[in-house]
Amino acid sequence: MDSVAIIILAAGQGTRMKSNKAKVLHLLSGRPMILYVVDTAVTVCSDNVIVVVGTQADCVKAVIEKEHQVSYSFQSEQLGTGHAVMCALPEIGDSVTNAVILCGDVPLVRPETIVDLISRHENEKNHVTLLAARIPDPTGYGRLVLDQDGCVERIVEERDATSHEKGIDVINTGIYCVDRQFLSHALKHVGRDNAQNEIYLTDIVGIAVSEYKRVGFGLCADLLELTGINTADDLLKVEAALKADETS
């Protein structure tokens, strides 16, 4: 896919892991979790993978370079997911028309899921396409706010959500396919008026809607594939589920 680049967000410290180690370096079944995400990215898009590093950047790069050759972008300040993507944009080649954004702490997403997301994005001629999921307990996740026609209106983060919005069970997984030109344009207009005072990548959805751009989403049924690891307990649960899946 020469016209597609994949950006992997891997700069965070992961303070909820209660460890001095960068979150993406924690081991999942004996391998640093970042390697699972890079495996998937390289399978889909071998020549256009950019990893955004920050916390313990040299260690993260050393781990990846043992198995893969990718490009890197350095996020010197942790100013949010939108800022991380902004740091990566200069590394994207001129031939790239769409960018996929993956999270370094969502290790089990499969290449087939990303290929399906890209295909949906291109077939529907979207400017932004989200990977979403419907889960029984959406606590902690950004919610997809849909209009009366079932179209994406915006994404609201848990900490910014109203009590009604917290009841929405369709969540944003943090995985996107975005038109490269629109992504560059939208990120210049994202503010920091939120609870974290950060540049949220999710805000590009509201910008797209306000500019009458096409925003689509696809639902992924495999919740394990989309599980993010934020705590040591999350890591243990994903590892147990992974082992159970391998032996089933």
C-alpha atoms as a PDB file:
ATOM      1  CA  MET A   1       0.000   0.000   0.000  1.00  0.00           C
ATOM      2  CA  ASP A   2       2.311   2.722  -1.264  1.00  0.00           C
ATOM      3  CA  SER A   3      -0.341   5.406  -0.800  1.00  0.00           C
ATOM      4  CA  VAL A   4      -0.883   4.606   2.893  1.00  0.00           C
ATOM      5  CA  ALA A   5       1.314   5.398   5.895  1.00  0.00           C
ATOM      6  CA  ILE A   6       0.855   3.995   9.386  1.00  0.00           C
ATOM      7  CA  ILE A   7       1.608   6.125  12.442  1.00  0.00           C
ATOM      8  CA  ILE A   8       2.060   4.296  15.747  1.00  0.00           C
ATOM      9  CA  LEU A   9       1.673   6.366  18.915  1.00  0.00           C
ATOM     10  CA  ALA A  10       4.249   5.079  21.386  1.00  0.00           C
ATOM     11  CA  ALA A  11       5.563   8.124  23.245  1.00  0.00           C
ATOM     12  CA  GLY A  12       3.610   7.891  26.506  1.00  0.00           C
ATOM     13  CA  GLN A  13       5.024   7.042  29.894  1.00  0.00           C
ATOM     14  CA  GLY A  14       1.985   5.100  31.074  1.00  0.00           C
ATOM     15  CA  THR A  15       1.943   6.255  34.691  1.00  0.00           C
ATOM     16  CA  ARG A  16      -0.997   3.979  35.506  1.00  0.00           C
ATOM     17  CA  MET A  17       1.308   0.985  34.974  1.00  0.00           C
ATOM     18  CA  LYS A  18       3.094   2.152  38.160  1.00  0.00           C
ATOM     19  CA  SER A  19       6.459   1.329  36.647  1.00  0.00           C
ATOM     20  CA  ASN A  20       9.542   3.260  35.580  1.00  0.00           C
ATOM     21  CA  LYS A  21       9.464   1.446  32.264  1.00  0.00           C
ATOM     22  CA  ALA A  22       7.808   3.060  29.229  1.00  0.00           C
ATOM     23  CA  LYS A  23       4.387   1.509  28.792  1.00  0.00           C
ATOM     24  CA  VAL A  24       5.033   0.011  25.339  1.00  0.00           C
ATOM     25  CA  LEU A  25       8.115  -1.844  26.633  1.00  0.00           C
ATOM     26  CA  HIS A  26       6.143  -3.974  29.073  1.00  0.00           C
ATOM     27  CA  LEU A  27       6.198  -7.629  28.120  1.00  0.00           C
ATOM     28  CA  LEU A  28       3.195  -9.473  26.722  1.00  0.00           C
ATOM     29  CA  SER A  29       3.851 -13.205  26.466  1.00  0.00           C
ATOM     30  CA  GLY A  30       7.565 -12.461  26.665  1.00  0.00           C
ATOM     31  CA  ARG A  31       7.669  -9.712  23.993  1.00  0.00           C
ATOM     32  CA  PRO A  32       7.485  -5.931  24.409  1.00  0.00           C
ATOM     33  CA  MET A  33       3.922  -4.970  23.470  1.00  0.00           C
ATOM     34  CA  ILE A  34       5.111  -2.412  20.910  1.00  0.00           C
ATOM     35  CA  LEU A  35       6.457  -5.232  18.737  1.00  0.00           C
ATOM     36  CA  TYR A  36       2.980  -6.681  18.239  1.00  0.00           C
ATOM     37  CA  VAL A  37       1.750  -3.358  16.861  1.00  0.00           C
ATOM     38  CA  VAL A  38       4.800  -2.882  14.642  1.00  0.00           C
ATOM     39  CA  ASP A  39       4.379  -6.447  13.342  1.00  0.00           C
ATOM     40  CA  THR A  40       0.848  -5.570  12.235  1.00  0.00           C
ATOM     41  CA  ALA A  41       1.854  -2.231  10.727  1.00  0.00           C
ATOM     42  CA  VAL A  42       4.738  -3.670   8.724  1.00  0.00           C
ATOM     43  CA  THR A  43       2.543  -6.512   7.461  1.00  0.00           C
ATOM     44  CA  VAL A  44       0.049  -3.978   6.094  1.00  0.00           C
ATOM     45  CA  CYS A  45       2.399  -1.221   4.992  1.00  0.00           C
ATOM     46  CA  SER A  46       6.029  -2.289   4.993  1.00  0.00           C
ATOM     47  CA  ASP A  47       7.680   0.900   3.715  1.00  0.00           C
ATOM     48  CA  ASN A  48       5.651   3.666   5.371  1.00  0.00           C
ATOM     49  CA  VAL A  49       5.583   3.038   9.123  1.00  0.00           C
ATOM     50  CA  ILE A  50       6.369   5.873  11.533  1.00  0.00           C
ATOM     51  CA  VAL A  51       6.643   5.255  15.272  1.00  0.00           C
ATOM     52  CA  VAL A  52       6.217   8.308  17.510  1.00  0.00           C
ATOM     53  CA  VAL A  53       8.564   7.908  20.473  1.00  0.00           C
ATOM     54  CA  GLY A  54       9.100  10.018  23.568  1.00  0.00           C
ATOM     55  CA  THR A  55       9.487   8.348  26.945  1.00  0.00           C
ATOM     56  CA  GLN A  56      12.666   6.216  26.888  1.00  0.00           C
ATOM     57  CA  ALA A  57      12.831   6.805  23.152  1.00  0.00           C
ATOM     58  CA  ASP A  58      16.223   5.150  22.667  1.00  0.00           C
ATOM     59  CA  CYS A  59      15.080   1.991  24.447  1.00  0.00           C
ATOM     60  CA  VAL A  60      11.881   1.780  22.410  1.00  0.00           C
ATOM     61  CA  LYS A  61      13.800   2.268  19.162  1.00  0.00           C
ATOM     62  CA  ALA A  62      16.409  -0.344  20.158  1.00  0.00           C
ATOM     63  CA  VAL A  63      13.693  -2.919  20.821  1.00  0.00           C
ATOM     64  CA  ILE A  64      11.979  -2.278  17.495  1.00  0.00           C
ATOM     65  CA  GLU A  65      15.215  -2.210  15.483  1.00  0.00           C
ATOM     66  CA  LYS A  66      16.030  -5.755  16.524  1.00  0.00           C
ATOM     67  CA  GLU A  67      13.146  -6.911  14.324  1.00  0.00           C
ATOM     68  CA  HIS A  68      12.045  -4.105  11.995  1.00  0.00           C
ATOM     69  CA  GLN A  69      13.282  -1.106  10.039  1.00  0.00           C
ATOM     70  CA  VAL A  70      10.823   1.760  10.438  1.00  0.00           C
ATOM     71  CA  SER A  71      10.908   5.559  10.648  1.00  0.00           C
ATOM     72  CA  TYR A  72      10.664   7.507  13.911  1.00  0.00           C
ATOM     73  CA  SER A  73       9.370  10.839  15.108  1.00  0.00           C
ATOM     74  CA  PHE A  74      10.192  12.307  18.516  1.00  0.00           C
ATOM     75  CA  GLN A  75       7.507  13.860  20.717  1.00  0.00           C
ATOM     76  CA  SER A  76       9.459  15.928  23.207  1.00  0.00           C
ATOM     77  CA  GLU A  77       6.414  17.014  25.230  1.00  0.00           C
ATOM     78  CA  GLN A  78       3.373  14.881  26.024  1.00  0.00           C
ATOM     79  CA  LEU A  79       0.715  17.262  24.708  1.00  0.00           C
ATOM     80  CA  GLY A  80      -1.811  14.680  23.564  1.00  0.00           C
ATOM     81  CA  THR A  81      -2.547  12.272  20.742  1.00  0.00           C
ATOM     82  CA  GLY A  82      -3.166  15.033  18.218  1.00  0.00           C
ATOM     83  CA  HIS A  83       0.196  16.555  19.004  1.00  0.00           C
ATOM     84  CA  ALA A  84       1.862  13.146  18.607  1.00  0.00           C
ATOM     85  CA  VAL A  85       0.400  12.795  15.110  1.00  0.00           C
ATOM     86  CA  MET A  86       1.526  16.338  14.266  1.00  0.00           C
ATOM     87  CA  CYS A  87       5.071  15.294  15.146  1.00  0.00           C
ATOM     88  CA  ALA A  88       4.842  12.381  12.713  1.00  0.00           C
ATOM     89  CA  LEU A  89       3.423  14.253   9.713  1.00  0.00           C
ATOM     90  CA  PRO A  90       6.799  15.536   8.419  1.00  0.00           C
ATOM     91  CA  GLU A  91       7.987  11.921   8.127  1.00  0.00           C
ATOM     92  CA  ILE A  92       5.195  10.935   5.745  1.00  0.00           C
ATOM     93  CA  GLY A  93       6.247  10.582   2.117  1.00  0.00           C
ATOM     94  CA  ASP A  94       4.792  12.743  -0.632  1.00  0.00           C
ATOM     95  CA  SER A  95       3.090   9.778  -2.316  1.00  0.00           C
ATOM     96  CA  VAL A  96       0.947   9.032   0.750  1.00  0.00           C
ATOM     97  CA  THR A  97      -2.729   9.984   0.487  1.00  0.00           C
ATOM     98  CA  ASN A  98      -4.102   8.308   3.638  1.00  0.00           C
ATOM     99  CA  ALA A  99      -2.683   7.805   7.131  1.00  0.00           C
ATOM    100  CA  VAL A 100      -3.650   5.073   9.570  1.00  0.00           C
ATOM    101  CA  ILE A 101      -3.130   5.817  13.261  1.00  0.00           C
ATOM    102  CA  LEU A 102      -2.498   2.935  15.651  1.00  0.00           C
ATOM    103  CA  CYS A 103      -1.854   2.901  19.395  1.00  0.00           C
ATOM    104  CA  GLY A 104       1.281   1.297  20.792  1.00  0.00           C
ATOM    105  CA  ASP A 105      -0.689   0.005  23.773  1.00  0.00           C
ATOM    106  CA  VAL A 106      -3.315  -1.868  21.715  1.00  0.00           C
ATOM    107  CA  PRO A 107      -1.127  -4.844  20.819  1.00  0.00           C
ATOM    108  CA  LEU A 108      -3.528  -7.444  19.427  1.00  0.00           C
ATOM    109  CA  VAL A 109      -5.075  -5.575  16.515  1.00  0.00           C
ATOM    110  CA  ARG A 110      -4.786  -7.750  13.411  1.00  0.00           C
ATOM    111  CA  PRO A 111      -3.513  -6.789   9.955  1.00  0.00           C
ATOM    112  CA  GLU A 112      -6.800  -7.929   8.417  1.00  0.00           C
ATOM    113  CA  THR A 113      -8.697  -5.451  10.575  1.00  0.00           C
ATOM    114  CA  ILE A 114      -6.499  -2.587   9.400  1.00  0.00           C
ATOM    115  CA  VAL A 115      -6.805  -3.627   5.750  1.00  0.00           C
ATOM    116  CA  ASP A 116     -10.609  -3.714   6.142  1.00  0.00           C
ATOM    117  CA  LEU A 117     -10.525  -0.227   7.697  1.00  0.00           C
ATOM    118  CA  ILE A 118      -8.473   1.144   4.806  1.00  0.00           C
ATOM    119  CA  SER A 119     -10.773  -0.515   2.260  1.00  0.00           C
ATOM    120  CA  ARG A 120     -13.872   0.951   3.933  1.00  0.00           C
ATOM    121  CA  HIS A 121     -12.237   4.368   4.019  1.00  0.00           C
ATOM    122  CA  GLU A 122     -11.350   4.271   0.332  1.00  0.00           C
ATOM    123  CA  ASN A 123     -14.582   2.677  -0.883  1.00  0.00           C
ATOM    124  CA  GLU A 124     -16.761   5.168   1.000  1.00  0.00           C
ATOM    125  CA  LYS A 125     -14.491   8.060  -0.049  1.00  0.00           C
ATOM    126  CA  ASN A 126     -14.301   9.222   3.564  1.00  0.00           C
ATOM    127  CA  HIS A 127     -12.081  11.919   4.967  1.00  0.00           C
ATOM    128  CA  VAL A 128     -12.039  10.173   8.355  1.00  0.00           C
ATOM    129  CA  THR A 129     -12.878   6.557   9.144  1.00  0.00           C
ATOM    130  CA  LEU A 130     -12.899   5.296  12.731  1.00  0.00           C
ATOM    131  CA  LEU A 131     -12.578   1.800  14.079  1.00  0.00           C
ATOM    132  CA  ALA A 132     -15.260   1.458  16.728  1.00  0.00           C
ATOM    133  CA  ALA A 133     -16.696  -1.229  18.983  1.00  0.00           C
ATOM    134  CA  ARG A 134     -19.860  -1.786  20.993  1.00  0.00           C
ATOM    135  CA  ILE A 135     -19.039  -2.891  24.533  1.00  0.00           C
ATOM    136  CA  PRO A 136     -21.179  -3.592  27.625  1.00  0.00           C
ATOM    137  CA  ASP A 137     -19.119  -1.329  29.895  1.00  0.00           C
ATOM    138  CA  PRO A 138     -17.720   1.662  28.005  1.00  0.00           C
ATOM    139  CA  THR A 139     -16.213   3.293  31.104  1.00  0.00           C
ATOM    140  CA  GLY A 140     -12.907   4.968  30.337  1.00  0.00           C
ATOM    141  CA  TYR A 141     -13.374   5.107  26.563  1.00  0.00           C
ATOM    142  CA  GLY A 142     -14.249   7.965  24.232  1.00  0.00           C
ATOM    143  CA  ARG A 143     -17.840   7.626  22.998  1.00  0.00           C
ATOM    144  CA  LEU A 144     -19.088   8.020  19.442  1.00  0.00           C
ATOM    145  CA  VAL A 145     -21.886  10.576  19.459  1.00  0.00           C
ATOM    146  CA  LEU A 146     -24.156   9.846  16.496  1.00  0.00           C
ATOM    147  CA  ASP A 147     -26.810  12.066  14.934  1.00  0.00           C
ATOM    148  CA  GLN A 148     -30.393  11.023  14.210  1.00  0.00           C
ATOM    149  CA  ASP A 149     -29.290   9.367  10.979  1.00  0.00           C
ATOM    150  CA  GLY A 150     -26.630   7.273  12.701  1.00  0.00           C
ATOM    151  CA  CYS A 151     -23.766   9.339  11.317  1.00  0.00           C
ATOM    152  CA  VAL A 152     -20.780  10.282  13.458  1.00  0.00           C
ATOM    153  CA  GLU A 153     -21.225  13.738  14.959  1.00  0.00           C
ATOM    154  CA  ARG A 154     -18.213  13.818  17.283  1.00  0.00           C
ATOM    155  CA  ILE A 155     -16.222  11.855  19.840  1.00  0.00           C
ATOM    156  CA  VAL A 156     -16.375  12.792  23.496  1.00  0.00           C
ATOM    157  CA  GLU A 157     -13.760  11.615  25.977  1.00  0.00           C
ATOM    158  CA  GLU A 158     -14.871  10.037  29.263  1.00  0.00           C
ATOM    159  CA  ARG A 159     -13.635  12.916  31.389  1.00  0.00           C
ATOM    160  CA  ASP A 160     -15.477  15.448  29.234  1.00  0.00           C
ATOM    161  CA  ALA A 161     -18.691  13.454  28.752  1.00  0.00           C
ATOM    162  CA  THR A 162     -22.084  14.314  30.202  1.00  0.00           C
ATOM    163  CA  SER A 163     -24.021  11.680  32.142  1.00  0.00           C
ATOM    164  CA  HIS A 164     -26.089  10.981  29.012  1.00  0.00           C
ATOM    165  CA  GLU A 165     -22.997  10.613  26.820  1.00  0.00           C
ATOM    166  CA  LYS A 166     -21.440   8.216  29.319  1.00  0.00           C
ATOM    167  CA  GLY A 167     -24.368   5.894  28.635  1.00  0.00           C
ATOM    168  CA  ILE A 168     -23.362   5.492  24.964  1.00  0.00           C
ATOM    169  CA  ASP A 169     -21.969   1.983  24.381  1.00  0.00           C
ATOM    170  CA  VAL A 170     -20.261   2.594  21.008  1.00  0.00           C
ATOM    171  CA  ILE A 171     -16.671   3.509  21.732  1.00  0.00           C
ATOM    172  CA  ASN A 172     -13.732   4.891  19.824  1.00  0.00           C
ATOM    173  CA  THR A 173     -10.820   2.450  19.749  1.00  0.00           C
ATOM    174  CA  GLY A 174      -8.256   5.133  18.918  1.00  0.00           C
ATOM    175  CA  ILE A 175      -7.590   3.609  15.499  1.00  0.00           C
ATOM    176  CA  TYR A 176      -8.254   5.772  12.435  1.00  0.00           C
ATOM    177  CA  CYS A 177      -7.735   6.055   8.719  1.00  0.00           C
ATOM    178  CA  VAL A 178      -7.595   9.714   7.664  1.00  0.00           C
ATOM    179  CA  ASP A 179      -7.072  11.572   4.418  1.00  0.00           C
ATOM    180  CA  ARG A 180      -3.533  12.913   4.720  1.00  0.00           C
ATOM    181  CA  GLN A 181      -4.305  16.447   3.513  1.00  0.00           C
ATOM    182  CA  PHE A 182      -7.351  16.752   5.750  1.00  0.00           C
ATOM    183  CA  LEU A 183      -5.377  15.415   8.719  1.00  0.00           C
ATOM    184  CA  SER A 184      -2.723  18.082   8.297  1.00  0.00           C
ATOM    185  CA  HIS A 185      -5.357  20.783   7.897  1.00  0.00           C
ATOM    186  CA  ALA A 186      -7.513  19.673  10.843  1.00  0.00           C
ATOM    187  CA  LEU A 187      -4.690  19.332  13.348  1.00  0.00           C
ATOM    188  CA  LYS A 188      -3.822  22.997  12.816  1.00  0.00           C
ATOM    189  CA  HIS A 189      -7.296  23.875  14.091  1.00  0.00           C
ATOM    190  CA  VAL A 190      -7.504  21.594  17.136  1.00  0.00           C
ATOM    191  CA  GLY A 191      -7.527  23.513  20.410  1.00  0.00           C
ATOM    192  CA  ARG A 192      -6.728  22.468  23.979  1.00  0.00           C
ATOM    193  CA  ASP A 193      -9.999  23.454  25.635  1.00  0.00           C
ATOM    194  CA  ASN A 194     -10.548  20.194  27.513  1.00  0.00           C
ATOM    195  CA  ALA A 195      -9.997  18.631  30.929  1.00  0.00           C
ATOM    196  CA  GLN A 196      -6.420  17.586  30.114  1.00  0.00           C
ATOM    197  CA  ASN A 197      -5.386  20.756  28.274  1.00  0.00           C
ATOM    198  CA  GLU A 198      -4.183  18.499  25.466  1.00  0.00           C
ATOM    199  CA  ILE A 199      -4.475  18.349  21.688  1.00  0.00           C
ATOM    200  CA  TYR A 200      -6.973  15.522  21.214  1.00  0.00           C
ATOM    201  CA  LEU A 201      -6.780  13.649  17.925  1.00  0.00           C
ATOM    202  CA  THR A 202     -10.479  12.893  18.378  1.00  0.00           C
ATOM    203  CA  ASP A 203     -11.283  16.566  17.730  1.00  0.00           C
ATOM    204  CA  ILE A 204     -10.570  16.119  14.020  1.00  0.00           C
ATOM    205  CA  VAL A 205     -13.933  14.347  13.808  1.00  0.00           C
ATOM    206  CA  GLY A 206     -15.824  17.450  14.949  1.00  0.00           C
ATOM    207  CA  ILE A 207     -13.813  19.550  12.517  1.00  0.00           C
ATOM    208  CA  ALA A 208     -14.647  17.169   9.671  1.00  0.00           C
ATOM    209  CA  VAL A 209     -18.362  17.306  10.504  1.00  0.00           C
ATOM    210  CA  SER A 210     -18.330  21.114  10.737  1.00  0.00           C
ATOM    211  CA  GLU A 211     -16.711  21.278   7.293  1.00  0.00           C
ATOM    212  CA  TYR A 212     -19.172  18.752   5.815  1.00  0.00           C
ATOM    213  CA  LYS A 213     -16.483  16.149   5.219  1.00  0.00           C
ATOM    214  CA  ARG A 214     -17.328  12.449   5.100  1.00  0.00           C
ATOM    215  CA  VAL A 215     -16.850  10.620   8.420  1.00  0.00           C
ATOM    216  CA  GLY A 216     -17.439   6.889   8.607  1.00  0.00           C
ATOM    217  CA  PHE A 217     -16.850   4.081  11.054  1.00  0.00           C
ATOM    218  CA  GLY A 218     -16.666   0.339  11.160  1.00  0.00           C
ATOM    219  CA  LEU A 219     -17.475  -1.924  14.104  1.00  0.00           C
ATOM    220  CA  CYS A 220     -15.034  -4.631  15.157  1.00  0.00           C
ATOM    221  CA  ALA A 221     -16.633  -7.556  16.979  1.00  0.00           C
ATOM    222  CA  ASP A 222     -13.459  -8.949  18.555  1.00  0.00           C
ATOM    223  CA  LEU A 223     -13.080  -6.924  21.746  1.00  0.00           C
ATOM    224  CA  LEU A 224      -9.834  -8.677  22.716  1.00  0.00           C
ATOM    225  CA  GLU A 225      -8.252  -7.438  19.505  1.00  0.00           C
ATOM    226  CA  LEU A 226      -9.043  -3.855  20.490  1.00  0.00           C
ATOM    227  CA  THR A 227      -8.176  -4.009  24.173  1.00  0.00           C
ATOM    228  CA  GLY A 228      -5.899  -1.228  25.316  1.00  0.00           C
ATOM    229  CA  ILE A 229      -3.382  -1.825  28.088  1.00  0.00           C
ATOM    230  CA  ASN A 230      -3.288   0.966  30.657  1.00  0.00           C
ATOM    231  CA  THR A 231      -2.574  -0.864  33.905  1.00  0.00           C
ATOM    232  CA  ALA A 232      -0.692  -3.914  35.129  1.00  0.00           C
ATOM    233  CA  ASP A 233      -4.059  -5.641  35.609  1.00  0.00           C
ATOM    234  CA  ASP A 234      -4.956  -4.941  31.979  1.00  0.00           C
ATOM    235  CA  LEU A 235      -1.678  -6.532  30.931  1.00  0.00           C
ATOM    236  CA  LEU A 236      -2.356  -9.678  32.962  1.00  0.00           C
ATOM    237  CA  LYS A 237      -5.903  -9.981  31.593  1.00  0.00           C
ATOM    238  CA  VAL A 238      -4.776  -9.595  27.982  1.00  0.00           C
ATOM    239  CA  GLU A 239      -1.969 -12.084  28.475  1.00  0.00           C
ATOM    240  CA  ALA A 240      -4.370 -14.630  30.020  1.00  0.00           C
ATOM    241  CA  ALA A 241      -6.858 -14.127  27.184  1.00  0.00           C
ATOM    242  CA  LEU A 242      -4.095 -14.426  24.595  1.00  0.00           C
ATOM    243  CA  LYS A 243      -2.880 -17.710  26.077  1.00  0.00           C
ATOM    244  CA  ALA A 244      -6.426 -19.050  26.263  1.00  0.00           C
ATOM    245  CA  ASP A 245      -6.986 -18.131  22.616  1.00  0.00           C
ATOM    246  CA  GLU A 246      -3.748 -19.865  21.585  1.00  0.00           C
ATOM    247  CA  THR A 247      -4.705 -23.104  23.331  1.00  0.00           C
ATOM    248  CA  SER A 248      -8.347 -23.175  22.210  1.00  0.00           C
END
